[in-house]
Protein backbone atom coordinates (compact mmCIF):
# COMPACT_ATOMS: atom_id res chain seq x y z
CA UNK A 1 5.70 22.31 45.32
CA UNK A 2 5.89 21.64 41.79
CA UNK A 3 9.10 20.28 40.51
CA UNK A 4 11.20 22.30 37.91
CA UNK A 5 11.01 21.14 34.29
CA UNK A 6 14.13 18.96 33.35
CA UNK A 7 15.50 18.17 30.01
CA UNK A 8 12.85 15.78 28.88
CA UNK A 9 9.89 18.38 29.74
CA UNK A 10 11.88 20.81 27.59
CA UNK A 11 12.38 18.89 24.95
CA UNK A 12 8.63 17.54 25.01
CA UNK A 13 7.55 21.12 25.18
CA UNK A 14 9.91 22.26 22.22
CA UNK A 15 8.42 19.29 19.97
CA UNK A 16 4.63 20.11 21.08
CA UNK A 17 5.59 23.51 19.44
CA UNK A 18 6.62 22.45 16.19
CA UNK A 19 4.19 22.31 12.91
CA UNK A 20 3.88 18.38 12.35
CA UNK A 21 4.10 17.64 8.82
CA UNK A 22 1.48 15.78 7.87
CA UNK A 23 -0.01 14.40 4.04
CA UNK A 24 1.28 11.94 1.37
CA UNK A 25 4.17 12.26 -1.18
CA UNK A 26 4.74 10.31 -3.86
CA UNK A 27 8.24 9.59 -4.70
CA UNK A 28 10.26 8.19 -7.46
CA UNK A 29 12.43 5.27 -5.72
CA UNK A 30 16.00 5.24 -7.12
CA UNK A 31 17.69 1.97 -7.66
CA UNK A 32 20.07 0.43 -4.61
CA UNK A 33 18.04 2.15 -1.96
CA UNK A 34 16.07 0.33 0.28
CA UNK A 35 12.48 1.77 0.97
CA UNK A 36 13.41 2.51 4.71
CA UNK A 37 16.09 4.60 3.55
CA UNK A 38 14.07 6.50 1.27
CA UNK A 39 11.62 7.24 3.95
CA UNK A 40 14.48 8.36 6.23
CA UNK A 41 15.53 10.75 3.67
CA UNK A 42 12.20 12.25 3.02
CA UNK A 43 12.00 12.77 6.99
CA UNK A 44 15.24 14.55 6.66
CA UNK A 45 14.20 16.75 3.98
CA UNK A 46 11.00 17.75 5.53
CA UNK A 47 12.54 18.63 8.91
CA UNK A 48 13.28 22.06 10.26
CA UNK A 49 13.59 23.67 13.10
CA UNK A 50 9.78 24.67 13.47
CA UNK A 51 8.77 21.53 11.50
CA UNK A 52 8.32 18.14 12.93
CA UNK A 53 8.47 15.08 10.37
CA UNK A 54 9.64 12.36 12.56
CA UNK A 55 6.62 10.25 11.92
CA UNK A 56 6.32 8.72 8.74
CA UNK A 57 6.14 5.26 6.57
CA UNK A 58 5.83 3.91 3.42
CA UNK A 59 2.78 1.66 2.10
CA UNK A 60 4.54 -1.18 0.44
CA UNK A 61 8.15 -2.07 0.43
CA UNK A 62 10.05 -2.36 -2.80
CA UNK A 63 13.51 -4.12 -3.36
CA UNK A 64 16.59 -2.57 -3.30
CA UNK A 65 17.01 -3.07 -7.34
CA UNK A 66 13.55 -1.78 -8.06
CA UNK A 67 12.81 1.54 -8.77
CA UNK A 68 9.29 3.45 -9.40
CA UNK A 69 6.49 4.76 -7.33
CA UNK A 70 6.69 4.32 -3.24
CA UNK A 71 3.91 6.46 -1.79
CA UNK A 72 5.23 7.66 1.82
CA UNK A 73 2.44 8.80 4.53
CA UNK A 74 3.71 11.70 7.00
CA UNK A 75 2.12 12.72 10.32
CA UNK A 76 -1.34 11.96 10.42
CA UNK A 77 -1.57 10.46 7.24
CA UNK A 78 -0.02 7.30 8.48
CA UNK A 79 -3.06 6.53 10.11
CA UNK A 80 -4.72 5.55 6.88
CA UNK A 81 -1.73 3.98 5.17
CA UNK A 82 -3.39 0.69 5.18
CA UNK A 83 -5.41 1.35 2.16
CA UNK A 84 -2.70 1.41 -0.14
CA UNK A 85 -0.65 -1.57 1.70
CA UNK A 86 -4.07 -3.59 0.38
CA UNK A 87 -4.28 -1.75 -2.65
CA UNK A 88 -3.55 -3.53 -5.98
CA UNK A 89 -0.03 -2.75 -7.59
CA UNK A 90 1.37 -2.50 -11.27
CA UNK A 91 4.93 -3.23 -12.42
CA UNK A 92 7.20 -3.49 -15.57
CA UNK A 93 9.77 -5.86 -14.88
CA UNK A 94 12.54 -7.21 -17.29
CA UNK A 95 13.49 -11.20 -17.27
CA UNK A 96 16.59 -12.40 -18.01
CA UNK A 97 16.24 -15.87 -19.36
CA UNK A 98 18.70 -18.58 -19.22
CA UNK A 99 19.85 -18.26 -15.70
CA UNK A 100 18.48 -18.23 -12.12
CA UNK A 101 19.85 -16.59 -8.97
CA UNK A 102 19.59 -17.24 -5.19
CA UNK A 103 17.60 -13.72 -5.01
CA UNK A 104 15.38 -14.11 -8.06
CA UNK A 105 17.19 -10.70 -9.58
CA UNK A 106 20.33 -9.32 -10.36
CA UNK A 107 21.54 -8.73 -7.08
CA UNK A 108 21.86 -12.00 -6.34
CA UNK A 109 24.48 -15.09 -7.47
CA UNK A 110 23.82 -17.25 -10.19
CA UNK A 111 22.56 -20.56 -9.17
CA UNK A 112 21.73 -22.41 -12.04
CA UNK A 113 21.85 -22.14 -15.76
CA UNK A 114 19.88 -23.73 -18.92
CA UNK A 115 19.56 -23.14 -22.63
CA UNK A 116 17.27 -20.56 -24.10
CA UNK A 117 14.38 -22.04 -26.13
CA UNK A 118 12.92 -19.93 -28.92
CA UNK A 119 9.97 -18.23 -28.67
CA UNK A 120 7.40 -15.83 -30.56
CA UNK A 121 4.71 -13.52 -29.34
CA UNK A 122 2.09 -16.01 -29.82
CA UNK A 123 3.89 -18.11 -27.18
CA UNK A 124 4.41 -15.34 -24.78
CA UNK A 125 0.75 -14.77 -25.22
CA UNK A 126 0.00 -18.15 -24.35
CA UNK A 127 2.10 -18.08 -21.37
CA UNK A 128 0.57 -15.13 -20.19
CA UNK A 129 -2.94 -16.42 -20.00
CA UNK A 130 -1.65 -19.29 -17.94
CA UNK A 131 -0.83 -16.88 -15.13
CA UNK A 132 -3.96 -14.76 -15.55
CA UNK A 133 -6.24 -14.38 -12.80
CA UNK A 134 -6.13 -16.40 -9.53
CA UNK A 135 -3.02 -18.09 -8.47
CA UNK A 136 -0.98 -20.03 -5.77
CA UNK A 137 2.31 -18.41 -4.95
CA UNK A 138 5.12 -19.52 -2.82
CA UNK A 139 7.02 -16.53 -1.32
CA UNK A 140 11.01 -16.65 -2.16
CA UNK A 141 13.62 -17.25 0.91
CA UNK A 142 14.82 -13.91 0.23
CA UNK A 143 12.09 -12.03 1.70
CA UNK A 144 11.14 -9.59 4.87
CA UNK A 145 8.51 -12.40 5.61
CA UNK A 146 9.05 -13.99 9.31
CA UNK A 147 9.06 -17.40 10.71
CA UNK A 148 9.92 -17.88 14.74
CA UNK A 149 10.69 -14.34 14.71
CA UNK A 150 13.64 -13.95 12.01
CA UNK A 151 13.09 -13.00 8.64
CA UNK A 152 13.38 -15.38 5.83
CA UNK A 153 16.31 -13.80 4.40
CA UNK A 154 18.08 -14.41 7.56
CA UNK A 155 17.44 -17.79 7.33
CA UNK A 156 18.86 -17.70 3.45
CA UNK A 157 21.89 -16.10 3.94
CA UNK A 158 22.78 -18.71 6.76
CA UNK A 159 21.85 -21.51 3.89
CA UNK A 160 18.89 -22.43 5.64
CA UNK A 161 15.77 -23.20 3.31
CA UNK A 162 12.39 -22.92 5.16
CA UNK A 163 9.09 -24.44 4.15
CA UNK A 164 6.96 -21.43 3.04
CA UNK A 165 3.08 -21.75 2.62
CA UNK A 166 1.79 -20.65 -0.58
CA UNK A 167 -0.16 -17.62 -0.96
CA UNK A 168 -3.26 -16.67 -2.94
CA UNK A 169 -2.45 -13.71 -5.13
CA UNK A 170 -4.45 -12.66 -8.55
CA UNK A 171 -2.93 -11.30 -11.59
CA UNK A 172 -5.65 -9.02 -13.00
CA UNK A 173 -3.55 -7.78 -15.92
CA UNK A 174 -0.53 -9.09 -17.26
CA UNK A 175 1.43 -8.58 -20.88
CA UNK A 176 4.67 -10.01 -21.88
CA UNK A 177 6.71 -8.97 -24.92
CA UNK A 178 10.06 -10.15 -26.23
CA UNK A 179 12.81 -7.56 -25.99
CA UNK A 180 14.99 -9.91 -27.63
CA UNK A 181 16.05 -13.55 -27.79
CA UNK A 182 16.91 -13.40 -24.17
CA UNK A 183 14.83 -10.87 -22.62
CA UNK A 184 11.10 -10.47 -21.94
CA UNK A 185 9.40 -7.63 -20.79
CA UNK A 186 6.78 -8.31 -18.06
CA UNK A 187 3.59 -5.88 -17.26
CA UNK A 188 1.32 -6.79 -14.21
CA UNK A 189 -1.27 -5.57 -12.34
CA UNK A 190 -1.57 -7.85 -9.21
CA UNK A 191 -2.88 -7.61 -5.58
CA UNK A 192 -0.83 -7.44 -2.48
CA UNK A 193 1.70 -9.78 -1.54
CA UNK A 194 2.72 -10.53 -5.02
CA UNK A 195 6.19 -11.30 -5.44
CA UNK A 196 7.29 -10.38 -9.30
CA UNK A 197 10.59 -11.87 -8.71
CA UNK A 198 9.04 -15.35 -8.10
CA UNK A 199 6.49 -14.21 -11.42
CA UNK A 200 9.54 -13.96 -13.13
CA UNK A 201 10.80 -17.59 -12.08
CA UNK A 202 7.49 -19.14 -12.97
CA UNK A 203 7.31 -17.53 -16.27
CA UNK A 204 10.99 -19.17 -17.51
CA UNK A 205 9.86 -22.35 -16.05
CA UNK A 206 6.85 -22.26 -17.95
CA UNK A 207 8.89 -21.15 -21.05
CA UNK A 208 11.17 -24.39 -20.54
CA UNK A 209 13.88 -22.43 -18.98
CA UNK A 210 15.26 -20.73 -15.97
CA UNK A 211 15.37 -16.68 -15.42
CA UNK A 212 15.44 -13.72 -13.10
CA UNK A 213 14.81 -9.98 -12.81
CA UNK A 214 17.15 -7.31 -14.21
CA UNK A 215 14.96 -4.66 -13.87
CA UNK A 216 11.73 -3.98 -11.61
CA UNK A 217 9.68 -0.65 -11.64
CA UNK A 218 6.27 -0.17 -9.60
CA UNK A 219 4.23 2.17 -11.96
CA UNK A 220 1.12 2.04 -10.23
CA UNK A 221 -0.22 1.75 -6.64
CA UNK A 222 -3.90 2.09 -6.01
CA UNK A 223 -5.05 5.32 -7.57
CA UNK A 224 -1.43 6.48 -7.80
CA UNK A 225 0.65 6.39 -10.88
CA UNK A 226 4.51 6.98 -11.36
CA UNK A 227 3.72 9.82 -13.30
CA UNK A 228 2.78 11.92 -10.23
CA UNK A 229 5.69 11.06 -8.51
CA UNK A 230 8.90 13.16 -7.56
CA UNK A 231 12.42 11.90 -7.88
CA UNK A 232 14.12 11.68 -4.59
CA UNK A 233 16.94 13.72 -6.23
CA UNK A 234 14.68 16.55 -7.42
CA UNK A 235 13.10 16.84 -4.06
CA UNK A 236 16.62 16.91 -2.46
CA UNK A 237 17.48 19.97 -4.62
CA UNK A 238 14.22 22.17 -3.28
CA UNK A 239 13.43 24.50 -0.98
CA UNK A 240 11.42 23.31 1.99
CA UNK A 241 8.29 25.47 0.61
CA UNK A 242 8.59 23.82 -2.43
CA UNK A 243 8.58 20.22 -1.23
CA UNK A 244 5.76 20.85 0.99
CA UNK A 245 3.78 21.84 -2.49
CA UNK A 246 4.17 18.13 -3.41
CA UNK A 247 2.18 17.05 -0.04
CA UNK A 248 -0.82 15.49 -0.99
CA UNK A 249 -3.91 15.35 1.44
CA UNK A 250 -3.82 13.84 4.70
CA UNK A 251 -6.94 11.62 3.76
CA UNK A 252 -4.93 10.84 -0.12
CA UNK A 253 -4.76 7.27 0.67
CA UNK A 254 -8.12 6.60 1.67
CA UNK A 255 -10.28 4.80 -0.91
CA UNK A 256 -13.73 5.88 0.32
CA UNK A 257 -16.52 8.28 -1.39
CA UNK A 258 -19.03 8.60 0.91
CA UNK A 259 -18.70 11.24 3.68
CA UNK A 260 -20.91 12.13 6.65
CA UNK A 261 -21.10 15.59 7.95
CA UNK A 262 -21.20 16.10 11.89
CA UNK A 263 -22.16 19.20 13.52
CA UNK A 264 -20.03 21.23 16.34
CA UNK A 265 -21.07 19.29 18.85
CA UNK A 266 -20.83 15.97 17.40
CA UNK A 267 -17.21 16.62 16.19
CA UNK A 268 -16.12 17.30 19.73
CA UNK A 269 -18.25 13.98 21.18
CA UNK A 270 -16.42 12.17 18.83
CA UNK A 271 -13.34 13.48 19.28
CA UNK A 272 -13.93 12.26 22.85
CA UNK A 273 -14.44 9.01 21.50
CA UNK A 274 -18.30 8.80 22.07
CA UNK A 275 -20.54 7.12 19.75
CA UNK A 276 -23.37 8.84 17.99
CA UNK A 277 -27.22 8.07 16.86
CA UNK A 278 -26.70 9.67 13.12
CA UNK A 279 -29.98 7.91 11.89
CA UNK A 280 -31.63 10.70 10.74
CA UNK A 281 -28.18 12.05 9.02
CA UNK A 282 -28.20 8.98 6.84
CA UNK A 283 -28.88 10.30 3.16
CA UNK A 284 -30.01 7.61 0.53
CA UNK A 285 -26.76 7.81 -1.17
CA UNK A 286 -24.94 6.81 2.14
CA UNK A 287 -27.64 4.07 2.84
CA UNK A 288 -26.95 2.93 -0.94
CA UNK A 289 -23.33 3.08 0.06
CA UNK A 290 -23.23 1.12 3.44
CA UNK A 291 -25.62 -1.23 1.61
CA UNK A 292 -23.23 -1.95 -1.59
CA UNK A 293 -20.35 -2.30 0.95
CA UNK A 294 -22.02 -5.05 2.74
CA UNK A 295 -23.54 -6.81 -0.01
CA UNK A 296 -20.09 -7.05 -1.49
CA UNK A 297 -18.49 -8.50 1.56
CA UNK A 298 -18.30 -12.22 2.12
CA UNK A 299 -20.16 -12.08 5.41
CA UNK A 300 -23.26 -14.63 4.97
CA UNK A 301 -25.41 -12.32 7.18
CA UNK A 302 -25.24 -9.59 5.14
CA UNK A 303 -27.09 -11.19 1.91
CA UNK A 304 -30.21 -9.38 0.92
CA UNK A 305 -33.60 -10.85 0.76
CA UNK A 306 -34.09 -11.21 -3.28
CA UNK A 307 -37.77 -12.04 -2.60
CA UNK A 308 -38.80 -8.62 -1.05
CA UNK A 309 -35.47 -6.86 -1.26
CA UNK A 310 -35.68 -6.02 2.21
CA UNK A 311 -32.51 -5.68 4.32
CA UNK A 312 -32.04 -8.79 6.85
CA UNK A 313 -32.41 -7.54 10.38
CA UNK A 314 -28.82 -8.34 11.58
CA UNK A 315 -27.51 -6.17 8.66
CA UNK A 316 -28.48 -3.19 10.06
CA UNK A 317 -25.65 -3.29 12.82
CA UNK A 318 -22.82 -4.30 10.22
CA UNK A 319 -20.47 -1.31 10.44
CA UNK A 320 -18.68 0.14 7.37
CA UNK A 321 -16.08 2.58 7.09
CA UNK A 322 -17.14 6.58 6.15
CA UNK A 323 -15.45 9.74 5.85
CA UNK A 324 -16.18 12.33 8.70
CA UNK A 325 -16.09 15.67 7.98
CA UNK A 326 -17.16 19.25 10.12
CA UNK A 327 -19.80 21.61 8.92
CA UNK A 328 -16.81 23.58 6.99
CA UNK A 329 -16.25 20.55 5.07
CA UNK A 330 -13.00 19.53 6.99
CA UNK A 331 -11.85 16.18 7.05
CA UNK A 332 -11.90 14.54 10.41
CA UNK A 333 -11.06 11.23 9.86
CA UNK A 334 -12.86 7.56 9.67
CA UNK A 335 -15.86 6.11 11.39
CA UNK A 336 -17.82 3.15 11.30
CA UNK A 337 -21.49 3.74 10.48
CA UNK A 338 -24.26 1.11 10.30
CA UNK A 339 -27.86 1.58 8.80
CA UNK A 340 -29.52 1.45 12.26
CA UNK A 341 -27.58 5.15 12.40
CA UNK A 342 -24.60 3.77 15.26
CA UNK A 343 -21.63 5.80 14.39
CA UNK A 344 -18.36 4.52 16.06
CA UNK A 345 -15.32 6.88 15.95
CA UNK A 346 -12.80 5.04 14.36
CA UNK A 347 -9.36 7.19 13.54
CA UNK A 348 -9.74 10.80 13.58
CA UNK A 349 -7.09 13.20 12.98
CA UNK A 350 -5.28 15.61 15.55
CA UNK A 351 -5.21 19.18 13.82
């Protein structure tokens, strides 16, 4: 005899009937809010009696003092957020010279001061060149990185200094311009994990003084630009239908052009987690894409034979991520395919 449905069952059935909000929205984060607070606000703004917006997350934290581009993935799009977490990012920042704070920005307390030397454009260009390219950077104590299960800022607030290992970063573009005798504008494009607060402090030290950030704005994340973002206040003033028009596609975060079309039968099989043999479906373009990705990797077995331009035997087994679509052109998710034709489903969306 079946049991009558309880409250949990009724709630689960009610949620199952709701439309899951899925896609990517680019928000211009306001000053003073944490990234997680912005995510919570966006989830609330997309919620309705028939819409489920509980699943959402951002693609890289911005400090409360910072403003600018914050891509937020919702629903099924969260499966692909790591592509933007790993993406290069661009910032504009203002460095105030002459004083250092405990946090590296204007939200902290001044802990030291130093005279400000005279500087000109030539000196700033020279300093910028010193920071261009590969660098080692020590993360700040006021950060969310963890040590023994606790975030570093928790140690910092308790007055405890923890030794931090330097991290490899790359500054792909950097420019310094004088605002006045005490302030510099920093524009930088960098790899993930770069702390612009620390960069501002280091630039000031190279100039023979101290410094901290008084403004920080993120202008680009991967292929997303701040010009495409909507202010949180503007989003709040809209009706729900208008808000939904700002949602980008579920796969907007994925920076992969190559795609493989699956038959109806193959779609059913990959959704059951089955591997496929798609050797006959690998076009020259797809093969070229797979080979290019393998050759760009650091795996020593991926090297091609320069003498006869043939692929090494083991290279045929190396899987490469690729978009999967059905015969109607609908995005299915990602699979890992190798030159031998073996396709393994990885992250598939539920429609």
